[in-house]
Amino acid sequence: MNCGTIVKIHTFDDGNKRYKHYKNKWTIQEVMYNGGKLKLKNDDNTEIIINSISSWKVRIPKKL
């Protein structure tokens, strides 16, 4: 996955449960640790940033 890619989160656990009520459409802002972690920005509310989420918890949606 690369910066600018649109993703959806499929596993909201740990500290990310609070983001579950936002529209599930996110843009990758940064790729860290050889792709193991991502920084995401919500597409609907661009003030919402997830600074670190494991890349296995997101997927590229078939439909946007």
PDB file of N, CA and C in Angstrom:
ATOM      1  N   MET A   1       0.851  -1.178   0.000  1.00  0.00           N
ATOM      2  CA  MET A   1       0.000   0.000   0.000  1.00  0.00           C
ATOM      3  C   MET A   1       0.891   1.234   0.000  1.00  0.00           C
ATOM      4  N   ASN A   2       0.406   2.259  -0.663  1.00  0.00           N
ATOM      5  CA  ASN A   2       1.183   3.482  -0.822  1.00  0.00           C
ATOM      6  C   ASN A   2       0.420   4.688  -0.283  1.00  0.00           C
ATOM      7  N   CYS A   3       1.135   5.765  -0.047  1.00  0.00           N
ATOM      8  CA  CYS A   3       0.498   7.016   0.359  1.00  0.00           C
ATOM      9  C   CYS A   3      -0.510   7.421  -0.714  1.00  0.00           C
ATOM     10  N   GLY A   4      -1.657   7.910  -0.264  1.00  0.00           N
ATOM     11  CA  GLY A   4      -2.704   8.335  -1.170  1.00  0.00           C
ATOM     12  C   GLY A   4      -3.724   7.252  -1.485  1.00  0.00           C
ATOM     13  N   THR A   5      -3.436   6.009  -1.122  1.00  0.00           N
ATOM     14  CA  THR A   5      -4.367   4.905  -1.361  1.00  0.00           C
ATOM     15  C   THR A   5      -5.563   5.018  -0.425  1.00  0.00           C
ATOM     16  N   ILE A   6      -6.758   4.781  -0.950  1.00  0.00           N
ATOM     17  CA  ILE A   6      -7.980   4.764  -0.142  1.00  0.00           C
ATOM     18  C   ILE A   6      -8.145   3.365   0.430  1.00  0.00           C
ATOM     19  N   VAL A   7      -8.407   3.282   1.739  1.00  0.00           N
ATOM     20  CA  VAL A   7      -8.606   1.995   2.403  1.00  0.00           C
ATOM     21  C   VAL A   7      -9.821   2.061   3.321  1.00  0.00           C
ATOM     22  N   LYS A   8     -10.269   0.877   3.736  1.00  0.00           N
ATOM     23  CA  LYS A   8     -11.295   0.722   4.764  1.00  0.00           C
ATOM     24  C   LYS A   8     -10.695  -0.105   5.877  1.00  0.00           C
ATOM     25  N   ILE A   9     -11.098   0.201   7.105  1.00  0.00           N
ATOM     26  CA  ILE A   9     -10.631  -0.552   8.263  1.00  0.00           C
ATOM     27  C   ILE A   9     -11.600  -1.706   8.491  1.00  0.00           C
ATOM     28  N   HIS A  10     -11.075  -2.922   8.637  1.00  0.00           N
ATOM     29  CA  HIS A  10     -11.942  -4.071   8.903  1.00  0.00           C
ATOM     30  C   HIS A  10     -11.816  -4.565  10.336  1.00  0.00           C
ATOM     31  N   THR A  11     -10.790  -4.126  11.076  1.00  0.00           N
ATOM     32  CA  THR A  11     -10.616  -4.533  12.466  1.00  0.00           C
ATOM     33  C   THR A  11     -10.394  -3.291  13.327  1.00  0.00           C
ATOM     34  N   PHE A  12     -11.448  -2.913  14.044  1.00  0.00           N
ATOM     35  CA  PHE A  12     -11.367  -1.783  14.972  1.00  0.00           C
ATOM     36  C   PHE A  12     -11.145  -2.360  16.370  1.00  0.00           C
ATOM     37  N   ASP A  13      -9.902  -2.442  16.795  1.00  0.00           N
ATOM     38  CA  ASP A  13      -9.625  -2.924  18.144  1.00  0.00           C
ATOM     39  C   ASP A  13      -8.615  -2.001  18.803  1.00  0.00           C
ATOM     40  N   ASP A  14      -8.151  -2.407  19.961  1.00  0.00           N
ATOM     41  CA  ASP A  14      -7.192  -1.619  20.734  1.00  0.00           C
ATOM     42  C   ASP A  14      -7.696  -0.192  20.903  1.00  0.00           C
ATOM     43  N   GLY A  15      -6.889   0.792  20.585  1.00  0.00           N
ATOM     44  CA  GLY A  15      -7.261   2.190  20.752  1.00  0.00           C
ATOM     45  C   GLY A  15      -8.038   2.771  19.594  1.00  0.00           C
ATOM     46  N   ASN A  16      -8.360   1.957  18.601  1.00  0.00           N
ATOM     47  CA  ASN A  16      -9.019   2.472  17.404  1.00  0.00           C
ATOM     48  C   ASN A  16     -10.530   2.280  17.396  1.00  0.00           C
ATOM     49  N   LYS A  17     -11.092   1.715  18.455  1.00  0.00           N
ATOM     50  CA  LYS A  17     -12.546   1.514  18.524  1.00  0.00           C
ATOM     51  C   LYS A  17     -13.298   2.838  18.419  1.00  0.00           C
ATOM     52  N   ARG A  18     -12.698   3.911  18.905  1.00  0.00           N
ATOM     53  CA  ARG A  18     -13.373   5.222  18.898  1.00  0.00           C
ATOM     54  C   ARG A  18     -13.597   5.770  17.492  1.00  0.00           C
ATOM     55  N   TYR A  19     -12.906   5.224  16.509  1.00  0.00           N
ATOM     56  CA  TYR A  19     -13.057   5.692  15.130  1.00  0.00           C
ATOM     57  C   TYR A  19     -14.113   4.929  14.342  1.00  0.00           C
ATOM     58  N   LYS A  20     -14.721   3.938  14.953  1.00  0.00           N
ATOM     59  CA  LYS A  20     -15.664   3.065  14.254  1.00  0.00           C
ATOM     60  C   LYS A  20     -16.916   3.804  13.771  1.00  0.00           C
ATOM     61  N   HIS A  21     -17.324   4.865  14.455  1.00  0.00           N
ATOM     62  CA  HIS A  21     -18.550   5.576  14.072  1.00  0.00           C
ATOM     63  C   HIS A  21     -18.339   6.587  12.940  1.00  0.00           C
ATOM     64  N   TYR A  22     -17.102   6.806  12.527  1.00  0.00           N
ATOM     65  CA  TYR A  22     -16.842   7.694  11.393  1.00  0.00           C
ATOM     66  C   TYR A  22     -17.020   6.931  10.085  1.00  0.00           C
ATOM     67  N   LYS A  23     -17.250   7.657   9.003  1.00  0.00           N
ATOM     68  CA  LYS A  23     -17.351   7.028   7.694  1.00  0.00           C
ATOM     69  C   LYS A  23     -16.074   6.225   7.449  1.00  0.00           C
ATOM     70  N   ASN A  24     -16.218   4.976   7.048  1.00  0.00           N
ATOM     71  CA  ASN A  24     -15.078   4.071   6.924  1.00  0.00           C
ATOM     72  C   ASN A  24     -14.411   4.197   5.551  1.00  0.00           C
ATOM     73  N   LYS A  25     -13.846   5.361   5.321  1.00  0.00           N
ATOM     74  CA  LYS A  25     -13.086   5.653   4.110  1.00  0.00           C
ATOM     75  C   LYS A  25     -11.893   6.495   4.537  1.00  0.00           C
ATOM     76  N   TRP A  26     -10.702   5.943   4.368  1.00  0.00           N
ATOM     77  CA  TRP A  26      -9.482   6.545   4.882  1.00  0.00           C
ATOM     78  C   TRP A  26      -8.428   6.637   3.792  1.00  0.00           C
ATOM     79  N   THR A  27      -7.594   7.676   3.852  1.00  0.00           N
ATOM     80  CA  THR A  27      -6.479   7.834   2.926  1.00  0.00           C
ATOM     81  C   THR A  27      -5.185   7.601   3.688  1.00  0.00           C
ATOM     82  N   ILE A  28      -4.303   6.796   3.111  1.00  0.00           N
ATOM     83  CA  ILE A  28      -3.003   6.558   3.729  1.00  0.00           C
ATOM     84  C   ILE A  28      -2.164   7.821   3.607  1.00  0.00           C
ATOM     85  N   GLN A  29      -1.703   8.321   4.745  1.00  0.00           N
ATOM     86  CA  GLN A  29      -0.868   9.520   4.794  1.00  0.00           C
ATOM     87  C   GLN A  29       0.621   9.182   4.885  1.00  0.00           C
ATOM     88  N   GLU A  30       0.901   8.048   5.540  1.00  0.00           N
ATOM     89  CA  GLU A  30       2.298   7.658   5.737  1.00  0.00           C
ATOM     90  C   GLU A  30       2.365   6.141   5.903  1.00  0.00           C
ATOM     91  N   VAL A  31       3.401   5.540   5.343  1.00  0.00           N
ATOM     92  CA  VAL A  31       3.667   4.112   5.498  1.00  0.00           C
ATOM     93  C   VAL A  31       4.913   3.980   6.361  1.00  0.00           C
ATOM     94  N   MET A  32       4.807   3.208   7.451  1.00  0.00           N
ATOM     95  CA  MET A  32       5.911   3.111   8.417  1.00  0.00           C
ATOM     96  C   MET A  32       6.305   1.651   8.636  1.00  0.00           C
ATOM     97  N   TYR A  33       7.509   1.442   9.141  1.00  0.00           N
ATOM     98  CA  TYR A  33       8.001   0.112   9.501  1.00  0.00           C
ATOM     99  C   TYR A  33       7.846  -0.890   8.355  1.00  0.00           C
ATOM    100  N   ASN A  34       8.373  -0.497   7.200  1.00  0.00           N
ATOM    101  CA  ASN A  34       8.321  -1.357   6.006  1.00  0.00           C
ATOM    102  C   ASN A  34       6.908  -1.817   5.674  1.00  0.00           C
ATOM    103  N   GLY A  35       5.937  -0.952   5.882  1.00  0.00           N
ATOM    104  CA  GLY A  35       4.551  -1.261   5.545  1.00  0.00           C
ATOM    105  C   GLY A  35       3.761  -1.919   6.656  1.00  0.00           C
ATOM    106  N   GLY A  36       4.371  -2.143   7.807  1.00  0.00           N
ATOM    107  CA  GLY A  36       3.682  -2.794   8.921  1.00  0.00           C
ATOM    108  C   GLY A  36       2.677  -1.899   9.620  1.00  0.00           C
ATOM    109  N   LYS A  37       2.903  -0.595   9.560  1.00  0.00           N
ATOM    110  CA  LYS A  37       2.009   0.378  10.196  1.00  0.00           C
ATOM    111  C   LYS A  37       1.671   1.473   9.199  1.00  0.00           C
ATOM    112  N   LEU A  38       0.479   2.056   9.383  1.00  0.00           N
ATOM    113  CA  LEU A  38       0.020   3.130   8.509  1.00  0.00           C
ATOM    114  C   LEU A  38      -0.492   4.297   9.326  1.00  0.00           C
ATOM    115  N   LYS A  39      -0.367   5.477   8.771  1.00  0.00           N
ATOM    116  CA  LYS A  39      -1.021   6.674   9.302  1.00  0.00           C
ATOM    117  C   LYS A  39      -2.157   6.984   8.344  1.00  0.00           C
ATOM    118  N   LEU A  40      -3.383   7.131   8.883  1.00  0.00           N
ATOM    119  CA  LEU A  40      -4.561   7.325   8.051  1.00  0.00           C
ATOM    120  C   LEU A  40      -5.265   8.631   8.373  1.00  0.00           C
ATOM    121  N   LYS A  41      -5.898   9.218   7.337  1.00  0.00           N
ATOM    122  CA  LYS A  41      -6.745  10.400   7.502  1.00  0.00           C
ATOM    123  C   LYS A  41      -8.130  10.052   6.991  1.00  0.00           C
ATOM    124  N   ASN A  42      -9.151  10.386   7.764  1.00  0.00           N
ATOM    125  CA  ASN A  42     -10.523  10.103   7.363  1.00  0.00           C
ATOM    126  C   ASN A  42     -10.910  11.008   6.203  1.00  0.00           C
ATOM    127  N   ASP A  43     -11.552  10.446   5.181  1.00  0.00           N
ATOM    128  CA  ASP A  43     -11.932  11.221   3.999  1.00  0.00           C
ATOM    129  C   ASP A  43     -13.122  12.131   4.252  1.00  0.00           C
ATOM    130  N   ASP A  44     -13.991  11.755   5.163  1.00  0.00           N
ATOM    131  CA  ASP A  44     -15.186  12.550   5.446  1.00  0.00           C
ATOM    132  C   ASP A  44     -14.867  13.705   6.389  1.00  0.00           C
ATOM    133  N   ASN A  45     -14.092  13.442   7.414  1.00  0.00           N
ATOM    134  CA  ASN A  45     -13.687  14.449   8.398  1.00  0.00           C
ATOM    135  C   ASN A  45     -12.166  14.446   8.439  1.00  0.00           C
ATOM    136  N   THR A  46     -11.549  15.340   7.682  1.00  0.00           N
ATOM    137  CA  THR A  46     -10.096  15.325   7.513  1.00  0.00           C
ATOM    138  C   THR A  46      -9.326  15.724   8.773  1.00  0.00           C
ATOM    139  N   GLU A  47     -10.025  16.137   9.810  1.00  0.00           N
ATOM    140  CA  GLU A  47      -9.362  16.415  11.084  1.00  0.00           C
ATOM    141  C   GLU A  47      -9.106  15.137  11.876  1.00  0.00           C
ATOM    142  N   ILE A  48      -9.740  14.039  11.479  1.00  0.00           N
ATOM    143  CA  ILE A  48      -9.584  12.768  12.169  1.00  0.00           C
ATOM    144  C   ILE A  48      -8.398  12.021  11.569  1.00  0.00           C
ATOM    145  N   ILE A  49      -7.379  11.806  12.402  1.00  0.00           N
ATOM    146  CA  ILE A  49      -6.150  11.140  11.989  1.00  0.00           C
ATOM    147  C   ILE A  49      -5.910   9.946  12.912  1.00  0.00           C
ATOM    148  N   ILE A  50      -5.607   8.808  12.323  1.00  0.00           N
ATOM    149  CA  ILE A  50      -5.119   7.669  13.087  1.00  0.00           C
ATOM    150  C   ILE A  50      -3.620   7.634  12.861  1.00  0.00           C
ATOM    151  N   ASN A  51      -2.855   7.922  13.900  1.00  0.00           N
ATOM    152  CA  ASN A  51      -1.403   8.043  13.753  1.00  0.00           C
ATOM    153  C   ASN A  51      -0.692   6.725  13.521  1.00  0.00           C
ATOM    154  N   SER A  52      -1.286   5.630  13.982  1.00  0.00           N
ATOM    155  CA  SER A  52      -0.643   4.334  13.782  1.00  0.00           C
ATOM    156  C   SER A  52      -1.676   3.221  13.877  1.00  0.00           C
ATOM    157  N   ILE A  53      -1.787   2.452  12.805  1.00  0.00           N
ATOM    158  CA  ILE A  53      -2.634   1.274  12.771  1.00  0.00           C
ATOM    159  C   ILE A  53      -1.896   0.213  11.966  1.00  0.00           C
ATOM    160  N   SER A  54      -1.985  -1.043  12.406  1.00  0.00           N
ATOM    161  CA  SER A  54      -1.339  -2.135  11.688  1.00  0.00           C
ATOM    162  C   SER A  54      -1.959  -2.272  10.303  1.00  0.00           C
ATOM    163  N   SER A  55      -1.125  -2.481   9.320  1.00  0.00           N
ATOM    164  CA  SER A  55      -1.607  -2.540   7.941  1.00  0.00           C
ATOM    165  C   SER A  55      -2.527  -3.737   7.703  1.00  0.00           C
ATOM    166  N   TRP A  56      -2.411  -4.801   8.483  1.00  0.00           N
ATOM    167  CA  TRP A  56      -3.285  -5.960   8.284  1.00  0.00           C
ATOM    168  C   TRP A  56      -4.731  -5.660   8.687  1.00  0.00           C
ATOM    169  N   LYS A  57      -4.973  -4.560   9.386  1.00  0.00           N
ATOM    170  CA  LYS A  57      -6.315  -4.193   9.833  1.00  0.00           C
ATOM    171  C   LYS A  57      -7.093  -3.406   8.787  1.00  0.00           C
ATOM    172  N   VAL A  58      -6.469  -3.121   7.644  1.00  0.00           N
ATOM    173  CA  VAL A  58      -7.138  -2.355   6.593  1.00  0.00           C
ATOM    174  C   VAL A  58      -7.118  -3.140   5.288  1.00  0.00           C
ATOM    175  N   ARG A  59      -8.003  -2.752   4.383  1.00  0.00           N
ATOM    176  CA  ARG A  59      -8.019  -3.363   3.052  1.00  0.00           C
ATOM    177  C   ARG A  59      -8.397  -2.297   2.041  1.00  0.00           C
ATOM    178  N   ILE A  60      -8.019  -2.532   0.813  1.00  0.00           N
ATOM    179  CA  ILE A  60      -8.434  -1.651  -0.282  1.00  0.00           C
ATOM    180  C   ILE A  60      -9.830  -2.106  -0.700  1.00  0.00           C
ATOM    181  N   PRO A  61     -10.816  -1.213  -0.640  1.00  0.00           N
ATOM    182  CA  PRO A  61     -12.187  -1.625  -0.969  1.00  0.00           C
ATOM    183  C   PRO A  61     -12.365  -1.887  -2.456  1.00  0.00           C
ATOM    184  N   LYS A  62     -13.267  -2.815  -2.768  1.00  0.00           N
ATOM    185  CA  LYS A  62     -13.598  -3.098  -4.160  1.00  0.00           C
ATOM    186  C   LYS A  62     -14.404  -1.962  -4.753  1.00  0.00           C
ATOM    187  N   LYS A  63     -15.289  -1.377  -3.931  1.00  0.00           N
ATOM    188  CA  LYS A  63     -16.115  -0.234  -4.340  1.00  0.00           C
ATOM    189  C   LYS A  63     -15.910   0.889  -3.353  1.00  0.00           C
ATOM    190  N   LEU A  64     -15.860   2.112  -3.838  1.00  0.00           N
ATOM    191  CA  LEU A  64     -15.714   3.271  -2.947  1.00  0.00           C
ATOM    192  C   LEU A  64     -17.011   4.010  -2.805  1.00  0.00           C
TER     193      LEU A  64
END
